[in-house]
Amino acid sequence: MDLAIFDVDGTLTRSNRVDNACFARACVEVIGAARIDTEWLTYTHVTDEGLSRQVFERQHGRAPTAAEITRLRERFMAFLEEAVRERPESCCEVPGAGAALARLRREAGWRVAIATGCWRASAELKLRAAEIALDDLPLASAEDALPRPGIVAHAIARAQTHYGHQRFERVVSIGDGVWDVHTAQHLELPMLGVCHDGRIERLRRHGVTHVLADFTNFEVLMEALAQAEVPGAPL
């Protein structure tokens, strides 16, 4: 039995832009930062929890309290809900994502899980907005671990419990970011890249062997899942 682990932002949903804007706005309002650097690769942990903590530490010179993180998360969610309600097109599915996810779940040899750097409520909101059914899929999020490899490890463990498999023969990570590449390398997982914004070469330069523009061709997806390799060294 094999396992496919999907990221959310930029992989299943076209939501990176609205997510970044709402997160930065919440940081400015709650943390008091005049400006937020949204070049996420400059941060240690590219997860909602990790980014929040580092932005706070850069601004105030100390770690945030749990209450301060909660306040930031609640404000971010309010901004995100408002933005998606007013501009539904800001959070839509990557073409074919919902149908591909549903069909993959019916494949005899595959199981599916979600691993996202988002806070869980944010991921669920964006999947609903994009009309992608989450149902009872095992999901790990920013609440589960600070670094992304920890989140993916939680997703694998939850999938093992959920599906009753102690060990999957093949686990493939599906993502769109350079941080997803680093996570796959760290965990030594094959990775399938998804890039719908024309930056396919960026992932290939970082060692990803197979990159799809979307999920509209299920046969191509299945072939890529079978052939994807652990990302190599950047070119």
Foldseek 3Di string as FASTA:
>chain_A
DEEEEEEFDQFFKPAVVQLLVLLQVLCCVLLVDPGDDPPQVVFDAPASVRSSQVSNCVRPVDGDDPVSSVSSVVSSVVSSVVVCVVPLVNIATFPPNQVLQVVQCVDPQYHYAYFYSYDPVVRVVSCVSRVRDPDPHHYFYNVQDRHRLRSVVSRVVVCCVVVVNPDHPAYEYEEADVSSLVSCLVVQHFYEYEHQPPVPVVVVQQQWPHYYPGCPDNVVVVVCSVPGGRGDHGD
